[in-house]
Structure formats: structure tokens, C-alpha cells
């Protein structure tokens, strides 16, 4: 990842949902089916479109979410490539 200025910075978060599957993803923007490392996943926008989340399916009733947000970037869709890159790193370590 490239280093930029503070205005280009973003934060990644990871959350494990042992009892919530992909069918229970809550989004405020569009939701799209994606595949990360051969695993079923969803890309969604949250918090009024300011956060991009990649939800990785573990089982039908569990998932791991990777979210990207920024204090200066209000368009979460622009953060999706970063969230997808991080999700790929995490996916490689999942059972």
C-alpha cells in the first residue's frame, strides 16, 4: 500500500459474526455479490454510504466483515478496493 497524506488515510476494521450469515448483512447502499479468494462474499456500503464492507462467508450462518472508512472520504465506494485487498489477506487465513 502506498503512503499518502493524512487526507488519503483510512481505517480498516474486522468483525467476526459467529451467528450472522451473509443473508443478514445490513447495508444502507448497494449490495453486490463478489468472490474473494474463491470464497463467497458480499460488498456493501454502510453508514449512509460512507463505509465499504466486504462480508466473507464462513458458513451459512456465520461471516467475517472487513470494513474501510475514512474521516475525509465520504464516498465509501472509493474505499472498496482497499477493503477488498484487506479481505483477501484475511480470507487466506480463514478455515
Protein backbone atom coordinates (compact mmCIF):
# COMPACT_ATOMS: atom_id res chain seq x y z
CA UNK A 1 0.00 0.00 0.00
CA UNK A 2 1.20 3.46 -0.83
CA UNK A 3 1.80 6.08 1.79
CA UNK A 4 -0.03 9.31 1.18
CA UNK A 5 -1.03 12.35 3.14
CA UNK A 6 -3.36 12.36 6.14
CA UNK A 7 -6.26 13.24 3.86
CA UNK A 8 -5.66 9.97 1.99
CA UNK A 9 -5.68 7.86 5.15
CA UNK A 10 -8.30 5.30 6.03
CA UNK A 11 -9.08 2.83 8.80
CA UNK A 12 -9.79 -0.89 8.46
CA UNK A 13 -11.93 -2.84 10.89
CA UNK A 14 -12.58 -6.56 11.16
CA UNK A 15 -15.57 -8.12 12.90
CA UNK A 16 -16.49 -11.79 13.34
CA UNK A 17 -20.19 -12.68 13.38
CA UNK A 18 -20.48 -16.32 14.53
CA UNK A 19 -24.29 -16.32 14.31
CA UNK A 20 -25.00 -13.99 11.35
CA UNK A 21 -24.64 -15.16 7.76
CA UNK A 22 -24.46 -13.20 4.53
CA UNK A 23 -28.25 -13.11 4.33
CA UNK A 24 -28.24 -10.87 7.41
CA UNK A 25 -25.90 -8.16 6.10
CA UNK A 26 -27.33 -4.73 6.84
CA UNK A 27 -26.44 -2.08 4.27
CA UNK A 28 -27.52 1.47 3.55
CA UNK A 29 -26.25 1.39 -0.02
CA UNK A 30 -25.87 -1.15 -2.76
CA UNK A 31 -25.01 -4.79 -2.11
CA UNK A 32 -23.10 -6.85 -4.67
CA UNK A 33 -22.03 -10.48 -4.80
CA UNK A 34 -18.25 -10.82 -5.04
CA UNK A 35 -15.73 -13.60 -4.66
CA UNK A 36 -12.63 -13.20 -2.51
CA UNK A 37 -10.02 -15.94 -2.72
CA UNK A 38 -12.63 -18.38 -4.05
CA UNK A 39 -14.97 -17.65 -1.15
CA UNK A 40 -18.48 -16.25 -1.48
CA UNK A 41 -18.68 -12.67 -0.24
CA UNK A 42 -20.77 -9.51 -0.39
CA UNK A 43 -19.62 -5.94 -0.96
CA UNK A 44 -21.88 -3.36 0.66
CA UNK A 45 -22.00 0.30 1.59
CA UNK A 46 -22.91 1.19 5.16
CA UNK A 47 -23.41 4.24 7.34
CA UNK A 48 -25.15 6.24 4.63
CA UNK A 49 -22.65 5.10 2.02
CA UNK A 50 -19.53 6.30 3.85
CA UNK A 51 -18.17 2.84 4.71
CA UNK A 52 -17.36 -0.03 2.38
CA UNK A 53 -17.69 -3.52 3.83
CA UNK A 54 -16.68 -6.91 2.48
CA UNK A 55 -18.52 -9.75 4.21
CA UNK A 56 -16.82 -13.13 3.85
CA UNK A 57 -18.96 -16.24 4.23
CA UNK A 58 -17.66 -18.76 6.75
CA UNK A 59 -20.81 -20.89 6.88
CA UNK A 60 -24.44 -20.27 6.00
CA UNK A 61 -24.86 -18.74 9.46
CA UNK A 62 -21.50 -17.04 10.10
CA UNK A 63 -19.29 -14.43 8.46
CA UNK A 64 -16.32 -12.10 8.85
CA UNK A 65 -16.70 -8.44 7.86
CA UNK A 66 -13.84 -6.21 6.75
CA UNK A 67 -14.71 -2.51 6.67
CA UNK A 68 -12.89 0.55 5.37
CA UNK A 69 -13.74 4.10 6.31
CA UNK A 70 -12.09 7.48 6.32
CA UNK A 71 -12.59 10.74 8.18
CA UNK A 72 -12.05 12.67 4.96
CA UNK A 73 -13.56 10.41 2.28
CA UNK A 74 -17.37 10.47 2.38
CA UNK A 75 -17.84 8.16 -0.63
CA UNK A 76 -17.43 4.63 0.72
CA UNK A 77 -17.38 3.15 -2.79
CA UNK A 78 -13.94 4.72 -3.29
CA UNK A 79 -12.71 2.71 -0.28
CA UNK A 80 -13.90 -0.64 -1.62
CA UNK A 81 -10.63 -1.55 -3.35
CA UNK A 82 -8.83 -1.14 -0.02
CA UNK A 83 -11.46 -3.20 1.82
CA UNK A 84 -11.26 -5.93 -0.84
CA UNK A 85 -7.47 -6.02 -0.64
CA UNK A 86 -7.61 -6.43 3.14
CA UNK A 87 -10.37 -9.03 2.85
CA UNK A 88 -8.12 -11.05 0.55
CA UNK A 89 -5.40 -11.12 3.18
CA UNK A 90 -7.85 -12.16 5.88
CA UNK A 91 -9.60 -14.74 3.69
CA UNK A 92 -6.31 -16.56 3.18
CA UNK A 93 -6.17 -17.23 6.94
CA UNK A 94 -9.78 -18.38 7.41
CA UNK A 95 -10.78 -22.03 7.82
